[in-house]
N, C-alpha and C. Protein backbone atom coordinates (compact mmCIF):
# COMPACT_ATOMS: atom_id res chain seq x y z
N MET A 1 0.84 -1.20 0.00
CA MET A 1 0.00 0.00 0.00
C MET A 1 0.88 1.25 0.00
N ILE A 2 0.60 2.17 -0.91
CA ILE A 2 1.41 3.38 -1.05
C ILE A 2 0.81 4.49 -0.18
N SER A 3 1.61 5.02 0.73
CA SER A 3 1.13 6.10 1.61
C SER A 3 1.26 7.44 0.89
N ILE A 4 0.24 8.28 1.05
CA ILE A 4 0.17 9.53 0.29
C ILE A 4 -0.17 10.72 1.18
N LEU A 5 0.52 11.83 0.93
CA LEU A 5 0.20 13.11 1.57
C LEU A 5 -0.35 14.03 0.49
N ILE A 6 -1.49 14.66 0.77
CA ILE A 6 -2.11 15.60 -0.18
C ILE A 6 -1.92 17.01 0.33
N ALA A 7 -1.28 17.87 -0.47
CA ALA A 7 -1.08 19.27 -0.12
C ALA A 7 -1.75 20.14 -1.17
N ASP A 8 -2.87 20.75 -0.79
CA ASP A 8 -3.60 21.62 -1.71
C ASP A 8 -4.41 22.61 -0.88
N ASP A 9 -4.49 23.87 -1.36
CA ASP A 9 -5.17 24.89 -0.55
C ASP A 9 -6.69 24.90 -0.73
N HIS A 10 -7.22 23.95 -1.49
CA HIS A 10 -8.67 23.84 -1.64
C HIS A 10 -9.18 22.58 -0.93
N LYS A 11 -10.03 22.80 0.06
CA LYS A 11 -10.52 21.69 0.88
C LYS A 11 -11.26 20.65 0.05
N LEU A 12 -12.09 21.09 -0.89
CA LEU A 12 -12.86 20.15 -1.69
C LEU A 12 -11.95 19.24 -2.51
N ILE A 13 -10.87 19.79 -3.04
CA ILE A 13 -9.93 18.99 -3.82
C ILE A 13 -9.25 17.96 -2.92
N ARG A 14 -8.83 18.40 -1.72
CA ARG A 14 -8.18 17.46 -0.79
C ARG A 14 -9.12 16.32 -0.43
N GLU A 15 -10.35 16.65 -0.12
CA GLU A 15 -11.31 15.62 0.29
C GLU A 15 -11.66 14.69 -0.87
N THR A 16 -11.77 15.24 -2.08
CA THR A 16 -12.11 14.42 -3.25
C THR A 16 -10.98 13.46 -3.57
N TRP A 17 -9.74 13.96 -3.59
CA TRP A 17 -8.60 13.09 -3.85
C TRP A 17 -8.49 12.00 -2.80
N ALA A 18 -8.68 12.39 -1.53
CA ALA A 18 -8.57 11.41 -0.44
C ALA A 18 -9.62 10.32 -0.60
N TYR A 19 -10.84 10.71 -0.94
CA TYR A 19 -11.92 9.73 -1.12
C TYR A 19 -11.59 8.78 -2.26
N ILE A 20 -11.17 9.32 -3.39
CA ILE A 20 -10.86 8.50 -4.57
C ILE A 20 -9.70 7.54 -4.29
N LEU A 21 -8.64 8.08 -3.71
CA LEU A 21 -7.45 7.25 -3.49
C LEU A 21 -7.67 6.21 -2.40
N ASN A 22 -8.37 6.58 -1.35
CA ASN A 22 -8.63 5.61 -0.27
C ASN A 22 -9.61 4.52 -0.70
N SER A 23 -10.30 4.75 -1.82
CA SER A 23 -11.22 3.74 -2.35
C SER A 23 -10.49 2.66 -3.14
N ASP A 24 -9.20 2.88 -3.36
CA ASP A 24 -8.37 1.93 -4.09
C ASP A 24 -7.42 1.26 -3.10
N ALA A 25 -7.42 -0.07 -3.08
CA ALA A 25 -6.64 -0.81 -2.09
C ALA A 25 -5.13 -0.58 -2.20
N ARG A 26 -4.67 -0.02 -3.30
CA ARG A 26 -3.24 0.23 -3.49
C ARG A 26 -2.75 1.46 -2.74
N PHE A 27 -3.69 2.34 -2.35
CA PHE A 27 -3.29 3.63 -1.78
C PHE A 27 -3.90 3.88 -0.40
N LYS A 28 -3.18 4.69 0.38
CA LYS A 28 -3.70 5.13 1.67
C LYS A 28 -3.26 6.58 1.91
N VAL A 29 -4.21 7.49 2.02
CA VAL A 29 -3.90 8.89 2.31
C VAL A 29 -3.66 9.01 3.81
N VAL A 30 -2.44 9.31 4.19
CA VAL A 30 -2.06 9.36 5.61
C VAL A 30 -2.22 10.74 6.20
N ALA A 31 -2.30 11.77 5.35
CA ALA A 31 -2.47 13.14 5.85
C ALA A 31 -2.78 14.07 4.69
N SER A 32 -3.34 15.23 5.03
CA SER A 32 -3.58 16.27 4.03
C SER A 32 -3.40 17.63 4.70
N CYS A 33 -3.09 18.65 3.90
CA CYS A 33 -2.88 19.98 4.46
C CYS A 33 -3.17 21.04 3.41
N GLU A 34 -3.29 22.30 3.88
CA GLU A 34 -3.69 23.37 2.98
C GLU A 34 -2.58 24.34 2.64
N ASN A 35 -1.38 24.16 3.20
CA ASN A 35 -0.31 25.09 2.87
C ASN A 35 1.04 24.39 2.79
N ALA A 36 2.00 25.08 2.20
CA ALA A 36 3.32 24.51 1.94
C ALA A 36 4.08 24.22 3.22
N GLU A 37 3.93 25.07 4.21
CA GLU A 37 4.63 24.88 5.48
C GLU A 37 4.19 23.58 6.16
N GLU A 38 2.87 23.34 6.15
CA GLU A 38 2.34 22.12 6.74
C GLU A 38 2.78 20.89 5.95
N ALA A 39 2.92 21.06 4.64
CA ALA A 39 3.35 19.94 3.80
C ALA A 39 4.73 19.45 4.23
N ILE A 40 5.62 20.39 4.50
CA ILE A 40 6.96 20.03 4.95
C ILE A 40 6.91 19.37 6.33
N LYS A 41 6.13 19.96 7.22
CA LYS A 41 6.02 19.42 8.58
C LYS A 41 5.44 18.01 8.59
N LEU A 42 4.39 17.78 7.81
CA LEU A 42 3.75 16.47 7.77
C LEU A 42 4.62 15.42 7.08
N THR A 43 5.42 15.85 6.12
CA THR A 43 6.35 14.91 5.49
C THR A 43 7.37 14.42 6.49
N ARG A 44 7.84 15.33 7.35
CA ARG A 44 8.78 14.94 8.42
C ARG A 44 8.14 13.93 9.37
N GLN A 45 6.86 14.14 9.68
CA GLN A 45 6.18 13.30 10.66
C GLN A 45 5.70 11.97 10.08
N LYS A 46 5.13 12.01 8.89
CA LYS A 46 4.47 10.84 8.31
C LYS A 46 5.33 10.03 7.35
N HIS A 47 6.36 10.65 6.80
CA HIS A 47 7.23 9.99 5.83
C HIS A 47 6.43 9.31 4.72
N PRO A 48 5.56 10.05 4.01
CA PRO A 48 4.74 9.43 2.96
C PRO A 48 5.59 8.95 1.79
N ASP A 49 5.11 7.93 1.13
CA ASP A 49 5.80 7.46 -0.07
C ASP A 49 5.70 8.49 -1.20
N VAL A 50 4.52 9.11 -1.30
CA VAL A 50 4.27 10.07 -2.38
C VAL A 50 3.57 11.31 -1.82
N VAL A 51 4.02 12.48 -2.26
CA VAL A 51 3.36 13.74 -1.91
C VAL A 51 2.74 14.34 -3.16
N LEU A 52 1.43 14.60 -3.11
CA LEU A 52 0.75 15.31 -4.20
C LEU A 52 0.79 16.79 -3.85
N MET A 53 1.61 17.55 -4.57
CA MET A 53 1.94 18.92 -4.19
C MET A 53 1.33 19.94 -5.14
N ASP A 54 0.38 20.71 -4.63
CA ASP A 54 -0.14 21.84 -5.41
C ASP A 54 0.97 22.89 -5.50
N ILE A 55 1.14 23.49 -6.67
CA ILE A 55 2.23 24.45 -6.85
C ILE A 55 1.92 25.79 -6.21
N ASN A 56 0.67 26.25 -6.32
CA ASN A 56 0.31 27.58 -5.82
C ASN A 56 -0.29 27.50 -4.43
N MET A 57 0.56 27.69 -3.42
CA MET A 57 0.10 27.68 -2.04
C MET A 57 0.82 28.76 -1.24
N ALA A 58 0.38 28.96 -0.02
CA ALA A 58 1.00 29.90 0.91
C ALA A 58 1.68 29.10 2.02
N PRO A 59 2.57 29.68 2.83
CA PRO A 59 3.11 31.04 2.70
C PRO A 59 4.21 31.12 1.65
N PHE A 60 4.56 29.99 1.04
CA PHE A 60 5.48 29.98 -0.10
C PHE A 60 5.00 28.93 -1.08
N SER A 61 5.57 28.92 -2.26
CA SER A 61 5.05 28.07 -3.33
C SER A 61 5.31 26.58 -3.10
N GLY A 62 4.53 25.77 -3.81
CA GLY A 62 4.76 24.33 -3.76
C GLY A 62 6.11 23.95 -4.34
N MET A 63 6.63 24.80 -5.22
CA MET A 63 7.97 24.55 -5.75
C MET A 63 9.02 24.64 -4.65
N GLU A 64 8.88 25.67 -3.81
CA GLU A 64 9.82 25.83 -2.70
C GLU A 64 9.66 24.70 -1.69
N ALA A 65 8.42 24.29 -1.44
CA ALA A 65 8.17 23.17 -0.53
C ALA A 65 8.79 21.89 -1.09
N THR A 66 8.68 21.70 -2.39
CA THR A 66 9.28 20.54 -3.03
C THR A 66 10.79 20.53 -2.84
N ARG A 67 11.40 21.67 -3.04
CA ARG A 67 12.85 21.79 -2.88
C ARG A 67 13.28 21.41 -1.45
N ARG A 68 12.55 21.92 -0.47
CA ARG A 68 12.90 21.66 0.93
C ARG A 68 12.67 20.19 1.31
N ILE A 69 11.56 19.64 0.86
CA ILE A 69 11.28 18.25 1.18
C ILE A 69 12.33 17.33 0.57
N ARG A 70 12.73 17.60 -0.66
CA ARG A 70 13.74 16.77 -1.31
C ARG A 70 15.08 16.84 -0.59
N GLU A 71 15.37 17.98 0.01
CA GLU A 71 16.61 18.12 0.77
C GLU A 71 16.55 17.37 2.10
N GLU A 72 15.39 17.43 2.76
CA GLU A 72 15.25 16.84 4.10
C GLU A 72 14.85 15.37 4.07
N TRP A 73 13.98 15.01 3.14
CA TRP A 73 13.46 13.64 3.12
C TRP A 73 13.32 13.18 1.67
N PRO A 74 14.42 12.88 1.00
CA PRO A 74 14.40 12.51 -0.42
C PRO A 74 13.68 11.20 -0.72
N GLN A 75 13.39 10.42 0.32
CA GLN A 75 12.68 9.14 0.09
C GLN A 75 11.26 9.37 -0.41
N SER A 76 10.66 10.51 -0.04
CA SER A 76 9.30 10.82 -0.49
C SER A 76 9.33 11.34 -1.93
N LYS A 77 8.59 10.69 -2.79
CA LYS A 77 8.48 11.13 -4.18
C LYS A 77 7.41 12.22 -4.27
N ILE A 78 7.65 13.21 -5.09
CA ILE A 78 6.72 14.33 -5.19
C ILE A 78 6.15 14.45 -6.60
N ILE A 79 4.82 14.61 -6.65
CA ILE A 79 4.14 14.86 -7.92
C ILE A 79 3.54 16.26 -7.86
N GLY A 80 3.96 17.13 -8.77
CA GLY A 80 3.36 18.45 -8.85
C GLY A 80 1.97 18.33 -9.44
N VAL A 81 0.98 18.91 -8.77
CA VAL A 81 -0.40 18.87 -9.26
C VAL A 81 -0.91 20.31 -9.32
N THR A 82 -1.31 20.76 -10.50
CA THR A 82 -1.63 22.17 -10.64
C THR A 82 -2.58 22.43 -11.80
N MET A 83 -3.14 23.63 -11.81
CA MET A 83 -3.98 24.05 -12.94
C MET A 83 -3.13 24.50 -14.12
N HIS A 84 -1.84 24.74 -13.89
CA HIS A 84 -0.97 25.25 -14.95
C HIS A 84 -0.58 24.13 -15.92
N SER A 85 -0.98 24.28 -17.16
CA SER A 85 -0.65 23.27 -18.16
C SER A 85 0.50 23.73 -19.05
N GLN A 86 1.28 24.70 -18.56
CA GLN A 86 2.42 25.19 -19.32
C GLN A 86 3.65 24.31 -19.04
N PRO A 87 4.30 23.78 -20.07
CA PRO A 87 5.45 22.90 -19.87
C PRO A 87 6.57 23.50 -19.02
N SER A 88 6.69 24.83 -19.01
CA SER A 88 7.76 25.44 -18.22
C SER A 88 7.61 25.15 -16.73
N TYR A 89 6.37 25.06 -16.25
CA TYR A 89 6.15 24.72 -14.85
C TYR A 89 6.60 23.28 -14.58
N ALA A 90 6.23 22.39 -15.48
CA ALA A 90 6.63 20.99 -15.31
C ALA A 90 8.14 20.86 -15.32
N ARG A 91 8.79 21.56 -16.23
CA ARG A 91 10.24 21.50 -16.33
C ARG A 91 10.90 21.98 -15.04
N LYS A 92 10.41 23.09 -14.49
CA LYS A 92 11.01 23.63 -13.27
C LYS A 92 10.77 22.72 -12.07
N MET A 93 9.57 22.12 -12.00
CA MET A 93 9.29 21.19 -10.91
C MET A 93 10.21 19.98 -10.96
N MET A 94 10.43 19.46 -12.15
CA MET A 94 11.30 18.30 -12.29
C MET A 94 12.75 18.66 -11.98
N GLN A 95 13.15 19.87 -12.33
CA GLN A 95 14.52 20.31 -12.07
C GLN A 95 14.82 20.39 -10.58
N ILE A 96 13.82 20.75 -9.77
CA ILE A 96 14.07 20.90 -8.34
C ILE A 96 13.79 19.62 -7.56
N GLY A 97 13.46 18.53 -8.28
CA GLY A 97 13.38 17.26 -7.59
C GLY A 97 12.07 16.51 -7.65
N ALA A 98 11.03 17.09 -8.26
CA ALA A 98 9.77 16.37 -8.38
C ALA A 98 9.95 15.18 -9.32
N SER A 99 9.20 14.13 -9.07
CA SER A 99 9.27 12.93 -9.91
C SER A 99 8.16 12.91 -10.95
N GLY A 100 7.12 13.72 -10.74
CA GLY A 100 6.00 13.72 -11.67
C GLY A 100 5.31 15.06 -11.73
N TYR A 101 4.48 15.22 -12.75
CA TYR A 101 3.72 16.46 -12.94
C TYR A 101 2.39 16.10 -13.60
N VAL A 102 1.30 16.46 -12.92
CA VAL A 102 -0.05 16.15 -13.41
C VAL A 102 -0.90 17.41 -13.29
N THR A 103 -1.62 17.76 -14.34
CA THR A 103 -2.50 18.93 -14.25
C THR A 103 -3.86 18.51 -13.69
N LYS A 104 -4.62 19.50 -13.26
CA LYS A 104 -5.93 19.22 -12.69
C LYS A 104 -6.97 18.91 -13.76
N ASN A 105 -6.54 18.90 -15.01
CA ASN A 105 -7.40 18.43 -16.10
C ASN A 105 -7.25 16.93 -16.31
N SER A 106 -6.27 16.34 -15.64
CA SER A 106 -5.99 14.91 -15.81
C SER A 106 -7.09 14.06 -15.17
N SER A 107 -7.26 12.87 -15.68
CA SER A 107 -8.25 11.95 -15.13
C SER A 107 -7.72 11.28 -13.87
N ARG A 108 -8.62 10.67 -13.10
CA ARG A 108 -8.18 9.97 -11.90
C ARG A 108 -7.32 8.76 -12.27
N GLU A 109 -7.60 8.16 -13.42
CA GLU A 109 -6.78 7.04 -13.86
C GLU A 109 -5.34 7.48 -14.12
N GLU A 110 -5.21 8.67 -14.70
CA GLU A 110 -3.87 9.17 -14.97
C GLU A 110 -3.16 9.54 -13.67
N MET A 111 -3.89 10.09 -12.72
CA MET A 111 -3.31 10.40 -11.42
C MET A 111 -2.79 9.13 -10.75
N MET A 112 -3.58 8.09 -10.79
CA MET A 112 -3.17 6.82 -10.19
C MET A 112 -1.96 6.23 -10.91
N GLU A 113 -1.96 6.35 -12.21
CA GLU A 113 -0.81 5.87 -12.98
C GLU A 113 0.45 6.64 -12.60
N ALA A 114 0.31 7.95 -12.41
CA ALA A 114 1.45 8.79 -12.02
C ALA A 114 2.00 8.35 -10.67
N ILE A 115 1.10 8.09 -9.72
CA ILE A 115 1.52 7.66 -8.39
C ILE A 115 2.28 6.33 -8.46
N MET A 116 1.74 5.40 -9.21
CA MET A 116 2.39 4.10 -9.35
C MET A 116 3.77 4.22 -9.99
N GLU A 117 3.87 5.05 -11.01
CA GLU A 117 5.13 5.20 -11.73
C GLU A 117 6.22 5.83 -10.85
N VAL A 118 5.88 6.93 -10.17
CA VAL A 118 6.92 7.59 -9.36
C VAL A 118 7.29 6.74 -8.15
N HIS A 119 6.33 5.97 -7.63
CA HIS A 119 6.63 5.10 -6.49
C HIS A 119 7.63 4.01 -6.89
N GLN A 120 7.58 3.63 -8.17
CA GLN A 120 8.51 2.62 -8.68
C GLN A 120 9.85 3.21 -9.10
N GLY A 121 10.01 4.51 -8.88
CA GLY A 121 11.28 5.15 -9.20
C GLY A 121 11.35 5.77 -10.58
N ASN A 122 10.22 5.83 -11.27
CA ASN A 122 10.19 6.39 -12.62
C ASN A 122 9.74 7.85 -12.61
N LYS A 123 9.89 8.53 -13.74
CA LYS A 123 9.39 9.89 -13.91
C LYS A 123 8.06 9.82 -14.64
N TYR A 124 7.18 10.80 -14.36
CA TYR A 124 5.89 10.79 -15.04
C TYR A 124 5.45 12.22 -15.34
N VAL A 125 5.10 12.48 -16.60
CA VAL A 125 4.52 13.75 -17.02
C VAL A 125 3.21 13.43 -17.72
N CYS A 126 2.14 14.12 -17.35
CA CYS A 126 0.82 13.80 -17.87
C CYS A 126 0.70 14.04 -19.37
N ASN A 127 -0.29 13.44 -19.97
CA ASN A 127 -0.48 13.51 -21.41
C ASN A 127 -0.72 14.93 -21.91
N GLU A 128 -1.39 15.75 -21.10
CA GLU A 128 -1.66 17.13 -21.52
C GLU A 128 -0.36 17.89 -21.78
N ILE A 129 0.60 17.72 -20.89
CA ILE A 129 1.89 18.39 -21.05
C ILE A 129 2.65 17.80 -22.24
N LYS A 130 2.63 16.49 -22.37
CA LYS A 130 3.31 15.85 -23.50
C LYS A 130 2.75 16.35 -24.83
N ASP A 131 1.43 16.50 -24.91
CA ASP A 131 0.82 16.97 -26.15
C ASP A 131 1.24 18.40 -26.46
N MET A 132 1.35 19.22 -25.42
CA MET A 132 1.76 20.60 -25.64
C MET A 132 3.21 20.68 -26.10
N LEU A 133 4.05 19.84 -25.55
CA LEU A 133 5.44 19.82 -25.97
C LEU A 133 5.55 19.45 -27.44
N THR A 134 4.65 18.60 -27.88
CA THR A 134 4.64 18.20 -29.28
C THR A 134 4.16 19.34 -30.17
N ASP A 135 3.14 20.07 -29.71
CA ASP A 135 2.53 21.13 -30.51
C ASP A 135 3.37 22.39 -30.60
N GLN A 136 4.04 22.74 -29.51
CA GLN A 136 4.78 24.00 -29.47
C GLN A 136 6.11 23.88 -30.20
N THR A 137 6.58 24.98 -30.71
CA THR A 137 7.89 25.03 -31.37
C THR A 137 8.77 26.04 -30.68
N THR A 138 10.06 25.95 -30.92
CA THR A 138 11.01 26.86 -30.30
C THR A 138 11.30 28.08 -31.17
N LYS A 139 10.67 28.14 -32.33
CA LYS A 139 11.02 29.19 -33.29
C LYS A 139 10.15 30.43 -33.21
N LYS A 140 8.88 30.27 -32.88
CA LYS A 140 8.00 31.42 -32.91
C LYS A 140 8.13 32.26 -31.65
N PRO A 141 7.90 33.61 -31.74
CA PRO A 141 7.98 34.49 -30.57
C PRO A 141 7.03 34.00 -29.48
N GLY A 142 7.50 34.00 -28.26
CA GLY A 142 6.67 33.55 -27.16
C GLY A 142 6.49 32.06 -27.14
N GLY A 143 7.33 31.31 -27.86
CA GLY A 143 7.23 29.87 -27.91
C GLY A 143 7.83 29.21 -26.70
N LEU A 144 8.01 27.88 -26.79
CA LEU A 144 8.45 27.09 -25.65
C LEU A 144 9.79 27.54 -25.10
N ALA A 145 10.76 27.81 -25.98
CA ALA A 145 12.10 28.16 -25.52
C ALA A 145 12.08 29.44 -24.71
N SER A 146 11.37 30.47 -25.21
CA SER A 146 11.34 31.74 -24.50
C SER A 146 10.57 31.65 -23.19
N ILE A 147 9.47 30.91 -23.18
CA ILE A 147 8.68 30.75 -21.96
C ILE A 147 9.47 29.98 -20.91
N ASN A 148 10.19 28.96 -21.34
CA ASN A 148 10.98 28.17 -20.40
C ASN A 148 12.12 28.95 -19.79
N SER A 149 12.46 30.10 -20.39
CA SER A 149 13.54 30.91 -19.84
C SER A 149 13.06 31.79 -18.69
N LEU A 150 11.74 31.85 -18.49
CA LEU A 150 11.20 32.65 -17.40
C LEU A 150 11.53 32.03 -16.05
N THR A 151 11.83 32.88 -15.07
CA THR A 151 12.09 32.40 -13.72
C THR A 151 10.77 32.18 -13.00
N GLU A 152 10.84 31.52 -11.85
CA GLU A 152 9.63 31.28 -11.05
C GLU A 152 9.00 32.62 -10.65
N ARG A 153 9.82 33.60 -10.26
CA ARG A 153 9.32 34.90 -9.86
C ARG A 153 8.64 35.62 -11.03
N GLU A 154 9.23 35.51 -12.22
CA GLU A 154 8.64 36.16 -13.39
C GLU A 154 7.29 35.54 -13.73
N MET A 155 7.16 34.23 -13.53
CA MET A 155 5.87 33.58 -13.77
C MET A 155 4.84 34.03 -12.74
N GLU A 156 5.29 34.27 -11.51
CA GLU A 156 4.38 34.79 -10.48
C GLU A 156 3.89 36.18 -10.86
N VAL A 157 4.80 37.01 -11.39
CA VAL A 157 4.43 38.36 -11.83
C VAL A 157 3.40 38.28 -12.96
N ILE A 158 3.63 37.38 -13.92
CA ILE A 158 2.70 37.23 -15.03
C ILE A 158 1.32 36.80 -14.55
N ASN A 159 1.28 35.88 -13.61
CA ASN A 159 0.00 35.42 -13.09
C ASN A 159 -0.77 36.55 -12.41
N LEU A 160 -0.06 37.45 -11.74
CA LEU A 160 -0.71 38.59 -11.10
C LEU A 160 -1.16 39.62 -12.14
N ILE A 161 -0.38 39.78 -13.20
CA ILE A 161 -0.79 40.67 -14.29
C ILE A 161 -2.07 40.15 -14.92
N LYS A 162 -2.15 38.82 -15.10
CA LYS A 162 -3.34 38.20 -15.67
C LYS A 162 -4.57 38.48 -14.82
N LYS A 163 -4.37 38.61 -13.51
CA LYS A 163 -5.48 38.88 -12.60
C LYS A 163 -5.84 40.35 -12.56
N GLY A 164 -5.10 41.19 -13.33
CA GLY A 164 -5.40 42.61 -13.40
C GLY A 164 -4.70 43.46 -12.36
N CYS A 165 -3.69 42.89 -11.70
CA CYS A 165 -2.98 43.64 -10.66
C CYS A 165 -2.06 44.70 -11.26
N SER A 166 -1.99 45.85 -10.62
CA SER A 166 -1.07 46.90 -11.03
C SER A 166 0.32 46.57 -10.50
N SER A 167 1.33 47.32 -10.95
CA SER A 167 2.69 47.09 -10.47
C SER A 167 2.76 47.30 -8.95
N LYS A 168 2.03 48.29 -8.46
CA LYS A 168 2.00 48.56 -7.03
C LYS A 168 1.40 47.38 -6.26
N GLU A 169 0.32 46.82 -6.80
CA GLU A 169 -0.32 45.67 -6.15
C GLU A 169 0.57 44.44 -6.20
N ILE A 170 1.28 44.28 -7.32
CA ILE A 170 2.21 43.16 -7.44
C ILE A 170 3.34 43.31 -6.43
N SER A 171 3.82 44.54 -6.29
CA SER A 171 4.89 44.82 -5.32
C SER A 171 4.47 44.42 -3.92
N LYS A 172 3.26 44.76 -3.55
CA LYS A 172 2.74 44.44 -2.21
C LYS A 172 2.52 42.95 -2.05
N SER A 173 1.94 42.32 -3.07
CA SER A 173 1.63 40.90 -3.00
C SER A 173 2.88 40.03 -2.88
N LEU A 174 3.94 40.38 -3.60
CA LEU A 174 5.16 39.58 -3.60
C LEU A 174 6.22 40.10 -2.62
N ALA A 175 5.90 41.19 -1.93
CA ALA A 175 6.81 41.78 -0.95
C ALA A 175 8.16 42.15 -1.58
N ILE A 176 8.06 42.78 -2.76
CA ILE A 176 9.26 43.27 -3.44
C ILE A 176 9.05 44.73 -3.80
N SER A 177 10.11 45.43 -4.13
CA SER A 177 10.00 46.85 -4.44
C SER A 177 9.34 47.08 -5.78
N LEU A 178 8.78 48.28 -5.95
CA LEU A 178 8.16 48.65 -7.21
C LEU A 178 9.19 48.62 -8.34
N LYS A 179 10.40 49.03 -8.03
CA LYS A 179 11.48 49.02 -9.02
C LYS A 179 11.77 47.60 -9.48
N THR A 180 11.74 46.65 -8.55
CA THR A 180 11.98 45.25 -8.90
C THR A 180 10.86 44.71 -9.78
N VAL A 181 9.62 45.10 -9.49
CA VAL A 181 8.49 44.67 -10.33
C VAL A 181 8.68 45.16 -11.75
N GLU A 182 9.06 46.43 -11.90
CA GLU A 182 9.27 46.98 -13.25
C GLU A 182 10.41 46.27 -13.96
N ALA A 183 11.43 45.88 -13.21
CA ALA A 183 12.55 45.13 -13.81
C ALA A 183 12.07 43.77 -14.31
N HIS A 184 11.21 43.12 -13.52
CA HIS A 184 10.65 41.84 -13.94
C HIS A 184 9.80 42.00 -15.19
N ARG A 185 9.00 43.07 -15.23
CA ARG A 185 8.17 43.33 -16.41
C ARG A 185 9.04 43.48 -17.66
N HIS A 186 10.12 44.23 -17.53
CA HIS A 186 11.04 44.46 -18.64
C HIS A 186 11.65 43.15 -19.11
N ASN A 187 12.09 42.33 -18.16
CA ASN A 187 12.72 41.05 -18.51
C ASN A 187 11.74 40.09 -19.16
N ILE A 188 10.49 40.11 -18.69
CA ILE A 188 9.46 39.24 -19.27
C ILE A 188 9.22 39.60 -20.73
N LEU A 189 9.09 40.90 -21.01
CA LEU A 189 8.87 41.35 -22.38
C LEU A 189 10.03 40.96 -23.28
N LYS A 190 11.23 41.11 -22.75
CA LYS A 190 12.43 40.78 -23.53
C LYS A 190 12.49 39.29 -23.84
N LYS A 191 12.21 38.45 -22.83
CA LYS A 191 12.30 37.01 -23.02
C LYS A 191 11.21 36.48 -23.96
N LEU A 192 10.04 37.10 -23.93
CA LEU A 192 8.93 36.66 -24.77
C LEU A 192 8.91 37.38 -26.12
N ASN A 193 9.90 38.25 -26.32
CA ASN A 193 10.02 38.97 -27.59
C ASN A 193 8.78 39.82 -27.87
N LEU A 194 8.32 40.54 -26.83
CA LEU A 194 7.15 41.40 -26.94
C LEU A 194 7.56 42.84 -26.71
N ARG A 195 6.79 43.77 -27.30
CA ARG A 195 7.22 45.18 -27.27
C ARG A 195 6.81 45.93 -26.02
N ASN A 196 5.61 45.68 -25.52
CA ASN A 196 5.10 46.45 -24.40
C ASN A 196 4.09 45.65 -23.59
N SER A 197 3.57 46.29 -22.53
CA SER A 197 2.62 45.60 -21.65
C SER A 197 1.34 45.23 -22.38
N ALA A 198 0.94 46.08 -23.33
CA ALA A 198 -0.28 45.78 -24.10
C ALA A 198 -0.11 44.50 -24.91
N SER A 199 1.07 44.35 -25.50
CA SER A 199 1.32 43.13 -26.28
C SER A 199 1.41 41.91 -25.38
N LEU A 200 1.87 42.11 -24.13
CA LEU A 200 1.92 41.01 -23.17
C LEU A 200 0.52 40.54 -22.82
N VAL A 201 -0.37 41.51 -22.56
CA VAL A 201 -1.76 41.17 -22.24
C VAL A 201 -2.41 40.46 -23.42
N ASN A 202 -2.16 40.97 -24.62
CA ASN A 202 -2.72 40.35 -25.82
C ASN A 202 -2.18 38.94 -26.01
N PHE A 203 -0.88 38.77 -25.73
CA PHE A 203 -0.25 37.45 -25.83
C PHE A 203 -0.93 36.45 -24.90
N MET A 204 -1.18 36.87 -23.66
CA MET A 204 -1.80 35.99 -22.68
C MET A 204 -3.25 35.69 -23.02
N ASN A 205 -3.94 36.67 -23.61
CA ASN A 205 -5.35 36.47 -23.92
C ASN A 205 -5.60 35.66 -25.18
N THR A 206 -4.61 35.63 -26.07
CA THR A 206 -4.80 34.93 -27.34
C THR A 206 -4.21 33.55 -27.37
N ARG A 207 -3.33 33.21 -26.39
CA ARG A 207 -2.76 31.88 -26.38
C ARG A 207 -3.82 30.88 -25.95
N THR A 208 -3.78 29.70 -26.58
CA THR A 208 -4.70 28.63 -26.20
C THR A 208 -4.42 28.18 -24.79
N THR A 209 -3.12 28.10 -24.43
CA THR A 209 -2.71 27.68 -23.10
C THR A 209 -1.94 28.80 -22.45
N TYR A 210 -2.33 29.21 -21.28
CA TYR A 210 -1.69 30.34 -20.62
C TYR A 210 -0.44 29.93 -19.88
N ILE A 211 0.36 30.95 -19.60
CA ILE A 211 1.57 30.74 -18.80
C ILE A 211 1.15 30.48 -17.38
């Protein structure tokens, strides 16, 4: 039986995953939590075989929690689970030690397959990400290569821009200076080969899959 820790800031998602997984004799959910700090603490206490890690959590990201867990307890395999279907997120999660990446569009069968694969020591990336890697090219502006060059912080800035946040609001939300926010905006435009903020907004609104 594979022991599992669920880390997600939505209670309904935690309860649904726990119900589905506990209904299968191969799995046992030993704990669940709503933030990254608790995920680290519970991994120390429970030593789960697999951690299902939501990327967007407080007080720091699931990526940072993944990094810390891998340093402290590498025996636990981590699967990034998120709404982000952009390959750059999957790539960064795998780089910092995650064994798998599954989007919230994935089926329960695929989630179970991912758990089985990483528990056996293999890597797993869901079909949605694989399909996108096939579809995207490295040649067009704003393509896979340029998006993958974005840092975790730059992706956080983009997500806040998508929500309509001003530079001042982004500065407050990320606890960084206004000057730093503007620097991130400049770097994002340069990496995505875009001219201005208007083109960035248009880029995000017209892409089939968002950053």
